Protein backbone atom coordinates (compact mmCIF):
# COMPACT_ATOMS: atom_id res chain seq x y z
CA UNK A 1 113.05 97.83 50.85
CA UNK A 2 111.54 95.56 48.20
CA UNK A 3 110.50 92.03 49.08
CA UNK A 4 113.66 89.92 48.93
CA UNK A 5 114.08 87.00 46.56
CA UNK A 6 113.68 83.67 48.38
CA UNK A 7 115.89 80.65 47.64
CA UNK A 8 115.40 77.25 49.22
CA UNK A 9 118.46 75.99 51.08
CA UNK A 10 119.48 73.12 53.33
CA UNK A 11 122.32 72.87 55.87
CA UNK A 12 125.37 70.80 54.97
CA UNK A 13 128.29 69.62 57.04
CA UNK A 14 130.66 67.82 54.65
CA UNK A 15 133.22 69.90 52.78
CA UNK A 16 135.79 69.26 50.07
CA UNK A 17 135.74 68.31 46.42
CA UNK A 18 134.12 64.91 46.88
CA UNK A 19 131.05 66.02 48.91
CA UNK A 20 130.61 69.11 46.75
CA UNK A 21 130.72 67.01 43.60
CA UNK A 22 128.06 64.70 45.03
CA UNK A 23 125.84 67.69 45.83
CA UNK A 24 126.09 68.94 42.26
CA UNK A 25 125.28 65.49 40.90
CA UNK A 26 121.86 65.65 42.62
CA UNK A 27 121.05 69.18 41.47
CA UNK A 28 122.40 71.18 44.42
CA UNK A 29 124.93 73.99 44.65
CA UNK A 30 127.20 74.24 47.74
CA UNK A 31 127.28 77.67 49.38
CA UNK A 32 128.58 79.41 52.47
CA UNK A 33 127.34 82.42 54.45
CA UNK A 34 129.86 84.71 56.17
CA UNK A 35 129.73 87.74 58.44
CA UNK A 36 127.26 89.18 60.90
CA UNK A 37 129.41 88.27 63.89
CA UNK A 38 128.44 84.61 63.57
CA UNK A 39 130.26 81.47 62.48
CA UNK A 40 130.22 80.65 58.75
CA UNK A 41 127.13 78.68 57.75
CA UNK A 42 127.47 75.99 55.10
CA UNK A 43 124.40 75.19 53.04
CA UNK A 44 123.27 73.88 49.66
CA UNK A 45 120.87 75.55 47.21
CA UNK A 46 118.71 74.19 44.39
CA UNK A 47 120.84 74.38 41.24
CA UNK A 48 118.00 75.26 38.84
CA UNK A 49 116.91 78.18 41.05
CA UNK A 50 120.46 79.53 41.17
CA UNK A 51 120.89 79.07 37.43
CA UNK A 52 117.72 81.06 36.75
CA UNK A 53 118.84 84.00 38.89
CA UNK A 54 122.37 84.11 37.48
CA UNK A 55 121.11 84.07 33.90
CA UNK A 56 118.04 86.32 34.15
CA UNK A 57 118.51 88.61 37.14
CA UNK A 58 121.15 91.31 36.48
CA UNK A 59 120.69 92.64 40.02
CA UNK A 60 121.32 89.33 41.77
CA UNK A 61 124.63 90.50 43.27
CA UNK A 62 123.18 93.81 44.45
CA UNK A 63 120.03 92.45 46.10
CA UNK A 64 119.02 91.06 49.45
CA UNK A 65 118.25 87.34 49.18
CA UNK A 66 116.29 85.36 51.75
CA UNK A 67 117.52 81.81 52.29
CA UNK A 68 114.77 79.47 53.46
CA UNK A 69 116.49 76.86 55.62
CA UNK A 70 113.68 74.45 56.47
CA UNK A 71 111.40 77.33 57.42
CA UNK A 72 114.08 79.41 59.12
CA UNK A 73 114.66 82.61 57.13
CA UNK A 74 118.12 84.12 56.78
CA UNK A 75 118.72 87.34 54.86
CA UNK A 76 121.97 87.55 52.90
CA UNK A 77 123.58 89.41 50.02
CA UNK A 78 125.29 87.37 47.26
CA UNK A 79 128.99 88.17 47.15
CA UNK A 80 130.64 85.80 44.67
CA UNK A 81 129.86 82.84 42.43
CA UNK A 82 132.37 80.29 41.19
CA UNK A 83 131.22 79.28 37.70
CA UNK A 84 131.92 76.27 35.50
CA UNK A 85 134.32 77.39 32.74
CA UNK A 86 132.20 75.84 29.96
CA UNK A 87 128.55 75.85 31.07
CA UNK A 88 128.66 78.93 33.34
CA UNK A 89 126.64 76.96 35.91
CA UNK A 90 127.36 77.85 39.52
CA UNK A 91 129.83 75.54 41.28
CA UNK A 92 129.83 77.43 44.59
CA UNK A 93 128.27 80.59 46.04
CA UNK A 94 129.42 82.97 48.78
CA UNK A 95 126.93 85.11 50.72
CA UNK A 96 127.29 87.88 53.31
CA UNK A 97 124.91 87.70 56.26
CA UNK A 98 122.59 90.73 56.61
CA UNK A 99 122.36 92.30 60.07
CA UNK A 100 120.41 95.33 61.27
CA UNK A 101 122.26 98.55 60.53
CA UNK A 102 124.85 96.88 58.31
CA UNK A 103 126.16 98.25 55.02
CA UNK A 104 127.13 96.43 51.84
CA UNK A 105 129.18 97.40 48.79
CA UNK A 106 127.30 96.74 45.56
CA UNK A 107 127.32 97.65 41.88
CA UNK A 108 124.22 99.70 40.99
CA UNK A 109 123.28 100.37 37.34
CA UNK A 110 122.99 103.92 35.97
CA UNK A 111 119.86 104.87 34.04
CA UNK A 112 120.00 107.95 31.80
CA UNK A 113 116.68 109.79 31.53
CA UNK A 114 115.32 112.17 28.87
CA UNK A 115 117.87 111.42 26.15
CA UNK A 116 115.26 112.43 23.57
CA UNK A 117 114.90 115.84 25.28
CA UNK A 118 118.59 116.48 25.89
CA UNK A 119 119.66 119.87 24.52
CA UNK A 120 123.11 118.61 23.56
CA UNK A 121 121.95 115.34 22.01
CA UNK A 122 119.28 117.16 19.95
CA UNK A 123 122.05 119.37 18.57
CA UNK A 124 123.91 116.31 17.32
CA UNK A 125 125.96 115.48 20.39
CA UNK A 126 126.88 111.96 21.44
CA UNK A 127 126.43 110.45 24.90
CA UNK A 128 129.70 108.80 25.94
CA UNK A 129 129.13 106.57 28.97
CA UNK A 130 132.20 106.08 31.17
CA UNK A 131 130.46 104.12 33.94
CA UNK A 132 127.31 102.10 33.38
CA UNK A 133 127.41 100.98 37.01
CA UNK A 134 128.43 102.75 40.21
CA UNK A 135 130.09 100.97 43.11
CA UNK A 136 128.20 102.21 46.16
CA UNK A 137 128.15 101.58 49.90
CA UNK A 138 124.49 101.18 50.87
CA UNK A 139 122.42 100.40 53.96
CA UNK A 140 121.50 96.77 53.52
CA UNK A 141 117.80 97.61 53.80
CA UNK A 142 117.96 100.46 51.26
CA UNK A 143 119.91 99.22 48.22
CA UNK A 144 118.74 101.31 45.23
CA UNK A 145 117.62 99.46 42.12
CA UNK A 146 119.28 102.08 39.92
CA UNK A 147 120.76 105.57 39.92
CA UNK A 148 118.96 107.98 37.59
CA UNK A 149 120.67 110.85 35.75
CA UNK A 150 118.54 113.42 33.90
CA UNK A 151 120.03 114.49 30.56
CA UNK A 152 117.34 117.04 29.64
CA UNK A 153 119.58 120.09 30.28
CA UNK A 154 122.88 118.48 29.26
CA UNK A 155 124.78 120.42 26.58
CA UNK A 156 127.57 119.43 24.19
CA UNK A 157 130.80 119.59 26.19
CA UNK A 158 129.17 118.78 29.52
CA UNK A 159 130.68 116.19 31.82
CA UNK A 160 128.37 114.46 34.29
CA UNK A 161 130.18 113.89 37.58
CA UNK A 162 129.21 111.99 40.71
CA UNK A 163 128.85 115.31 42.59
CA UNK A 164 125.82 116.14 40.42
CA UNK A 165 124.05 112.87 41.23
CA UNK A 166 121.42 112.78 43.95
CA UNK A 167 122.14 109.59 45.87
CA UNK A 168 119.61 108.11 48.31
CA UNK A 169 120.08 108.86 52.00
CA UNK A 170 122.89 106.83 53.53
CA UNK A 171 124.31 105.79 50.13
CA UNK A 172 127.86 106.86 49.27
CA UNK A 173 130.28 106.04 46.42
CA UNK A 174 133.32 103.92 47.21
CA UNK A 175 135.48 106.45 45.33
CA UNK A 176 135.73 109.49 47.60
CA UNK A 177 139.03 111.11 46.61
CA UNK A 178 137.83 112.72 43.37
CA UNK A 179 134.72 113.92 41.56
CA UNK A 180 134.75 111.14 39.00
CA UNK A 181 133.04 111.26 35.60
CA UNK A 182 130.04 109.09 34.79
CA UNK A 183 129.34 110.30 31.25
CA UNK A 184 130.05 113.14 28.82
CA UNK A 185 128.21 114.80 25.93
CA UNK A 186 130.58 115.35 23.01
CA UNK A 187 130.28 116.51 19.42
CA UNK A 188 130.15 113.86 16.72
CA UNK A 189 133.93 114.09 16.31
CA UNK A 190 134.51 113.66 20.05
CA UNK A 191 136.77 110.96 21.48
CA UNK A 192 135.27 107.61 22.33
CA UNK A 193 135.03 106.87 26.05
CA UNK A 194 137.53 104.60 27.72
CA UNK A 195 136.28 101.14 28.65
CA UNK A 196 138.38 101.33 31.81
CA UNK A 197 137.35 103.68 34.64
CA UNK A 198 141.00 103.72 35.74
CA UNK A 199 142.04 105.34 32.46
CA UNK A 200 139.30 107.93 32.86
CA UNK A 201 140.46 108.61 36.41
CA UNK A 202 144.02 109.22 35.26
CA UNK A 203 142.74 111.69 32.69
CA UNK A 204 140.90 113.56 35.43
CA UNK A 205 144.05 113.81 37.54
CA UNK A 206 146.06 115.10 34.59
C-alpha cells in the first residue's frame, strides 16, 4: 500500500447549519467519519487542504486518507463531498473508517497500454472506450492506482471484456452477472460508444 495522504483535522461537537457555517467562515470544512463498528466521529478539516485535493487529485475518492487528529492518526476512505453549487468548494465531507481486513468499493481508472503497437489500431481501427473507470471492491490496504489493459494484440472487431483483465489479488468488480465490455476496436465507420454503461449492458444482453 502506498503512503496515505495526511489531512489535518480537529474534533467538533456542534452540529447544524449555524455551527457548520461558522466553521466555514474560519477556513474549516465539517466532516464525519462512519463505519468500523464505532460511533460516528465528527471533525473539521482545513478548507484549503481539501480544496487542493478535490481539484488536483483525481484519485482522492479511491485512496486511503490519514486524518491527523491532534497527533492521533485515523485511516479513512473519502466517500462523498457536498459541494457549493457555484464555487465547487467542499461544504461537507463523509469518510468511511478503515479497519483491518475491510473492503471498500471504489472507482479505479483504466489505462490502455501499447496503443501505438496495437494491430487493429495500426490497420486504421478506432478505440471506442465504454468504461474509463471500473467500480471495484478492493481490500482497503490494496487499492490499485489503475487497471492496465494491453492493446498490442487487439484486432479490429475485438471487444475487451472484464474477463480478460488481470485484477490484483482480492479485487473483484461490482458487476458479477455478466462479462461486461470495457472497450472495443472498430473500423473507422464503426458506431460510437455509448456514454452510458447501462446502454452498453443492455446491448450485451440483447
